[in-house]
Amino acid sequence: MRTTGGSTMKRAVALILMAVVVLASGCIGKGVGLTEEKVLEALQSIETASYDQNFSMSMHFTDPEGNKTINFTMSGRVLGVFNNTAGLERGNMSITMHMMGMDVNMNWPYFVNNSSVYFMVDGKWYNVSPDDDLYSRAQGSLNVDYIRNLLRTKNVTIEKLPDGYAFRVNVTFWEFVNATNQSGYLNELWSVDGERRVNVTTNSGWVEVHLTKDGTPTFIETHMEVILAVKGYDGRTTDIYVTLHESVALSNINEPVEIKAPEGIESAGDFEEIFW
């Protein structure tokens, strides 16, 4: 049964929060000593690495029912290690959210076995669906694909640094979403009965990547400022202003690593169980 008024707005905001808790064939500048082929080869050769990922999001909008400004902030950190050859990944994700005077803190270990992603909540392991944004959040190895997709879809110019190279490129929201392979998830999440309920305007967006002399990425930073126009069932549209920032540092690249399946993973429940 559909609802109207305040319930409509609450549902729309819930959809946005789900997406953001969740929420990048080029030509590289010549004559800098680093070619596109070298970078792609370096990306292809990455088998293991450790990663330190920090992200933050701030959002505000005016509730059309009470004409009250609603503010929401979220920050988090993900520390992990992956082994692409074995298809394994393990780490820990911590998230802090603040909204309307309430703070929510989460500190969840996770484990990835090829296409299966698990989170530990209150001492029990749960299997996360690919439709959940946490599915990709727990896979730091996807940052390598992120850079590869950028190089294939954007024209970038690499600049020489004292200790390596770097490039910075402007991106729209949907270029970022496509590069991180989240377009299918968001298109489904933001559509109801075949109608798109959320339209996005990109005010600014950029990605900066630092590379070693052989083209191996060591640091990725992304910044995005967008307006989400959310259409309610009553036909009214509410503008939600969102700022996203994320940085990822890669280290210990191609060093030996052993990742073992944690105890209790074989009896993992459905992640949605924790909300009931």
Protein backbone atom coordinates (compact mmCIF):
# COMPACT_ATOMS: atom_id res chain seq x y z
CA MET A 1 0.00 0.00 0.00
CA ARG A 2 1.39 3.39 -0.93
CA THR A 3 1.66 6.19 1.57
CA THR A 4 1.66 9.95 1.20
CA GLY A 5 2.83 13.03 3.06
CA GLY A 6 5.51 12.52 5.69
CA SER A 7 5.72 8.78 5.01
CA THR A 8 6.56 9.50 1.38
CA MET A 9 9.45 11.70 2.38
CA LYS A 10 10.70 9.18 4.93
CA ARG A 11 10.69 6.44 2.29
CA ALA A 12 12.54 8.65 -0.17
CA VAL A 13 15.17 9.53 2.41
CA ALA A 14 15.54 5.85 3.31
CA LEU A 15 16.27 5.06 -0.33
CA ILE A 16 18.91 7.76 -0.48
CA LEU A 17 20.58 6.59 2.72
CA MET A 18 20.66 3.03 1.43
CA ALA A 19 22.41 4.24 -1.70
CA VAL A 20 24.98 6.47 -0.05
CA VAL A 21 25.84 4.10 2.82
CA VAL A 22 26.64 2.24 0.26
CA LEU A 23 27.80 5.44 -1.88
CA ALA A 24 34.68 6.38 -11.50
CA SER A 25 39.47 4.50 -23.60
CA GLY A 26 41.50 7.24 -22.34
CA CYS A 27 44.51 9.11 -23.59
CA ILE A 28 47.31 9.74 -21.15
CA GLY A 29 49.63 12.69 -21.60
CA LYS A 30 52.65 11.92 -23.73
CA GLY A 31 56.26 12.52 -22.86
CA VAL A 32 55.96 11.95 -19.12
CA GLY A 33 57.66 8.57 -19.11
CA LEU A 34 54.49 6.66 -18.24
CA THR A 35 52.13 5.33 -20.90
CA GLU A 36 48.59 4.04 -20.69
CA GLU A 37 49.86 0.56 -21.48
CA LYS A 38 52.28 0.64 -18.53
CA VAL A 39 49.56 1.71 -16.11
CA LEU A 40 47.14 -0.94 -17.33
CA GLU A 41 49.88 -3.57 -17.10
CA ALA A 42 50.65 -2.50 -13.54
CA LEU A 43 46.95 -2.70 -12.63
CA GLN A 44 46.72 -6.15 -14.19
CA SER A 45 49.71 -7.37 -12.18
CA ILE A 46 48.26 -6.46 -8.77
CA GLU A 47 47.47 -9.72 -6.98
CA THR A 48 47.66 -8.78 -3.31
CA ALA A 49 47.54 -5.53 -1.36
CA SER A 50 46.53 -3.89 1.91
CA TYR A 51 44.20 -0.90 1.87
CA ASP A 52 43.17 1.92 4.19
CA GLN A 53 39.96 3.55 3.02
CA ASN A 54 38.37 6.63 4.63
CA PHE A 55 35.06 8.11 3.54
CA SER A 56 32.61 10.78 4.63
CA MET A 57 29.22 12.01 3.52
CA SER A 58 27.12 15.02 4.51
CA MET A 59 23.55 15.59 3.40
CA HIS A 60 20.87 18.19 4.06
CA PHE A 61 17.38 18.93 2.76
CA THR A 62 14.22 20.75 3.79
CA ASP A 63 11.33 18.52 4.86
CA PRO A 64 8.34 19.74 2.80
CA GLU A 65 5.92 18.73 5.54
CA GLY A 66 7.35 20.77 8.41
CA ASN A 67 9.67 23.08 6.46
CA LYS A 68 12.46 21.88 8.74
CA THR A 69 16.07 21.41 7.63
CA ILE A 70 17.29 17.84 8.11
CA ASN A 71 21.04 17.19 8.38
CA PHE A 72 22.76 13.83 8.12
CA THR A 73 26.46 13.01 8.33
CA MET A 74 28.38 9.77 8.01
CA SER A 75 32.06 8.89 8.23
CA GLY A 76 33.87 5.60 8.16
CA ARG A 77 37.08 3.70 7.75
CA VAL A 78 37.81 0.35 6.12
CA LEU A 79 41.06 -1.53 6.77
CA GLY A 80 41.63 -4.72 4.83
CA VAL A 81 43.77 -6.95 2.67
CA PHE A 82 42.97 -8.88 -0.50
CA ASN A 83 44.37 -11.78 -2.52
CA ASN A 84 43.00 -11.68 -6.05
CA THR A 85 44.55 -15.02 -7.01
CA ALA A 86 42.70 -16.82 -4.23
CA GLY A 87 39.60 -14.60 -4.53
CA LEU A 88 39.79 -13.81 -0.82
CA GLU A 89 39.54 -10.59 1.18
CA ARG A 90 39.30 -9.77 4.86
CA GLY A 91 39.10 -6.60 6.94
CA ASN A 92 37.14 -4.40 9.29
CA MET A 93 34.65 -1.59 8.60
CA SER A 94 33.75 1.11 11.12
CA ILE A 95 30.99 3.66 10.43
CA THR A 96 29.57 6.56 12.44
CA MET A 97 26.27 8.21 11.45
CA HIS A 98 24.64 11.30 12.97
CA MET A 99 21.09 12.50 12.30
CA MET A 100 18.61 14.58 14.32
CA GLY A 101 20.65 14.35 17.52
CA MET A 102 21.21 10.60 17.28
CA ASP A 103 24.54 8.82 16.77
CA VAL A 104 24.84 5.32 15.36
CA ASN A 105 28.17 3.49 15.48
CA MET A 106 29.03 0.25 13.71
CA ASN A 107 32.23 -1.79 13.84
CA TRP A 108 31.96 -4.87 11.63
CA PRO A 109 34.62 -7.38 10.53
CA TYR A 110 34.08 -8.78 7.04
CA PHE A 111 35.24 -11.66 4.85
CA VAL A 112 35.02 -12.10 1.07
CA ASN A 113 35.22 -15.43 -0.75
CA ASN A 114 34.96 -14.76 -4.48
CA SER A 115 31.32 -13.65 -4.98
CA SER A 116 30.27 -14.19 -1.35
CA VAL A 117 30.54 -11.31 1.15
CA TYR A 118 30.06 -11.76 4.89
CA PHE A 119 29.84 -9.32 7.82
CA MET A 120 30.09 -10.13 11.51
CA VAL A 121 27.48 -8.32 13.63
CA ASP A 122 27.26 -8.93 17.38
CA GLY A 123 29.47 -12.00 17.12
CA LYS A 124 27.54 -13.71 14.29
CA TRP A 125 28.39 -13.89 10.57
CA TYR A 126 25.84 -12.82 7.94
CA ASN A 127 25.83 -13.20 4.16
CA VAL A 128 25.34 -9.88 2.32
CA SER A 129 23.34 -9.74 -0.91
CA PRO A 130 25.02 -8.28 -4.05
CA ASP A 131 22.12 -5.77 -4.08
CA ASP A 132 23.39 -4.21 -0.84
CA ASP A 133 25.97 -1.40 -1.11
CA LEU A 134 27.94 -3.01 1.71
CA TYR A 135 28.68 -5.79 -0.79
CA SER A 136 31.07 -3.52 -2.71
CA ARG A 137 32.19 -1.50 0.33
CA ALA A 138 33.80 -4.65 1.71
CA GLN A 139 35.88 -5.22 -1.42
CA GLY A 140 38.85 -2.87 -1.47
CA SER A 141 40.20 -4.82 -4.44
CA LEU A 142 37.49 -3.15 -6.56
CA ASN A 143 39.48 0.10 -6.38
CA VAL A 144 41.85 -1.40 -8.94
CA ASP A 145 38.90 -1.87 -11.32
CA TYR A 146 37.81 1.70 -10.52
CA ILE A 147 41.10 3.11 -11.86
CA ARG A 148 41.05 0.80 -14.87
CA ASN A 149 37.53 1.93 -15.80
CA LEU A 150 38.53 5.58 -15.44
CA LEU A 151 41.42 5.16 -17.86
CA ARG A 152 39.15 3.48 -20.39
CA THR A 153 36.41 6.11 -20.29
CA LYS A 154 38.14 9.43 -19.50
CA ASN A 155 40.88 11.48 -21.14
CA VAL A 156 43.51 12.05 -18.46
CA THR A 157 46.91 13.72 -18.36
CA ILE A 158 49.57 12.27 -16.11
CA GLU A 159 51.87 14.70 -14.33
CA LYS A 160 55.35 13.96 -13.00
CA LEU A 161 55.84 14.16 -9.23
CA PRO A 162 59.11 14.01 -7.28
CA ASP A 163 58.36 10.44 -6.21
CA GLY A 164 56.15 9.18 -9.03
CA TYR A 165 53.17 10.33 -11.09
CA ALA A 166 49.58 11.47 -10.63
CA PHE A 167 46.51 12.39 -12.63
CA ARG A 168 43.35 14.24 -11.72
CA VAL A 169 40.17 14.18 -13.78
CA ASN A 170 36.72 15.72 -13.44
CA VAL A 171 33.81 13.27 -13.25
CA THR A 172 30.06 13.50 -13.09
CA PHE A 173 28.05 11.48 -10.60
CA TRP A 174 27.03 8.91 -13.20
CA GLU A 175 30.58 8.59 -14.55
CA PHE A 176 31.67 7.80 -11.00
CA VAL A 177 28.80 5.34 -10.51
CA ASN A 178 29.50 3.58 -13.82
CA ALA A 179 33.23 3.33 -13.07
CA THR A 180 32.48 1.73 -9.69
CA ASN A 181 29.90 -0.64 -11.24
CA GLN A 182 26.96 0.65 -9.19
CA SER A 183 24.67 1.89 -11.98
CA GLY A 184 22.45 -1.20 -12.02
CA TYR A 185 22.02 -1.07 -8.24
CA LEU A 186 21.08 2.62 -8.18
CA ASN A 187 18.81 2.46 -11.23
CA GLU A 188 16.79 -0.27 -9.54
CA LEU A 189 16.83 1.41 -6.13
CA TRP A 190 15.72 4.78 -7.46
CA SER A 191 12.88 3.55 -9.67
CA VAL A 192 9.35 2.67 -8.60
CA ASP A 193 6.90 0.97 -10.96
CA GLY A 194 9.22 1.75 -13.86
CA GLU A 195 9.43 5.47 -13.04
CA ARG A 196 12.70 7.12 -12.00
CA ARG A 197 12.11 8.86 -8.67
CA VAL A 198 15.57 10.42 -8.29
CA ASN A 199 17.42 12.69 -10.71
CA VAL A 200 20.99 13.81 -10.09
CA THR A 201 22.75 17.08 -10.85
CA THR A 202 26.53 17.13 -10.43
CA ASN A 203 27.80 20.44 -9.07
CA SER A 204 31.40 19.24 -8.93
CA GLY A 205 33.28 15.98 -8.98
CA TRP A 206 36.88 14.85 -9.38
CA VAL A 207 39.17 11.89 -8.90
CA GLU A 208 42.91 12.05 -8.21
CA VAL A 209 45.18 9.00 -8.49
CA HIS A 210 48.84 8.77 -7.43
CA LEU A 211 51.08 6.22 -9.14
CA THR A 212 54.56 4.84 -8.66
CA LYS A 213 57.15 5.16 -11.41
CA ASP A 214 56.00 1.85 -12.91
CA GLY A 215 52.31 2.87 -12.90
CA THR A 216 51.15 1.07 -9.75
CA PRO A 217 48.45 3.04 -7.88
CA THR A 218 49.17 3.98 -4.27
CA PHE A 219 46.48 6.57 -3.49
CA ILE A 220 42.98 7.34 -4.82
CA GLU A 221 40.91 10.33 -3.77
CA THR A 222 37.35 11.10 -4.89
CA HIS A 223 35.21 14.17 -4.19
CA MET A 224 31.61 14.71 -5.28
CA GLU A 225 29.00 17.42 -4.70
CA VAL A 226 25.55 16.62 -6.10
CA ILE A 227 21.88 17.52 -5.81
CA LEU A 228 19.40 14.65 -5.68
CA ALA A 229 15.92 15.68 -6.80
CA VAL A 230 13.57 13.15 -5.15
CA LYS A 231 10.01 12.92 -6.45
CA GLY A 232 7.39 11.81 -3.93
CA TYR A 233 4.14 9.99 -4.67
CA ASP A 234 2.31 13.28 -4.20
CA GLY A 235 4.23 14.73 -7.15
CA ARG A 236 6.33 17.13 -5.08
CA THR A 237 10.11 17.17 -5.55
CA THR A 238 12.59 17.64 -2.71
CA ASP A 239 16.21 18.62 -3.38
CA ILE A 240 18.78 16.78 -1.27
CA TYR A 241 22.28 18.27 -1.20
CA VAL A 242 25.02 15.66 -0.82
CA THR A 243 28.80 15.93 -0.47
CA LEU A 244 30.89 12.77 -0.71
CA HIS A 245 34.61 12.39 -0.06
CA GLU A 246 36.72 9.25 -0.10
CA SER A 247 40.41 8.35 -0.05
CA VAL A 248 42.08 4.98 -0.42
CA ALA A 249 45.75 4.21 0.30
CA LEU A 250 47.16 0.97 -1.13
CA SER A 251 50.26 -0.65 0.37
CA ASN A 252 52.14 -3.96 0.61
CA ILE A 253 51.33 -4.53 -3.06
CA ASN A 254 52.10 -8.07 -4.25
CA GLU A 255 53.61 -9.06 -0.93
CA PRO A 256 52.76 -12.53 0.40
CA VAL A 257 49.49 -12.68 2.31
CA GLU A 258 47.46 -15.51 3.80
CA ILE A 259 43.73 -15.06 4.33
CA LYS A 260 41.83 -17.80 6.12
CA ALA A 261 38.09 -18.25 6.38
CA PRO A 262 36.95 -17.23 9.90
CA GLU A 263 35.21 -19.66 12.23
CA GLY A 264 31.43 -19.70 11.97
CA ILE A 265 31.33 -18.52 8.35
CA GLU A 266 29.79 -21.82 7.20
CA SER A 267 26.65 -21.14 9.26
CA ALA A 268 26.22 -17.48 8.25
CA GLY A 269 22.66 -16.17 8.22
CA ASP A 270 20.95 -13.70 5.88
CA PHE A 271 22.15 -10.13 6.53
CA GLU A 272 18.57 -8.83 6.49
CA GLU A 273 17.91 -10.82 9.65
CA ILE A 274 19.66 -8.19 11.76
CA PHE A 275 16.93 -5.64 10.92
CA TRP A 276 14.09 -7.84 12.19
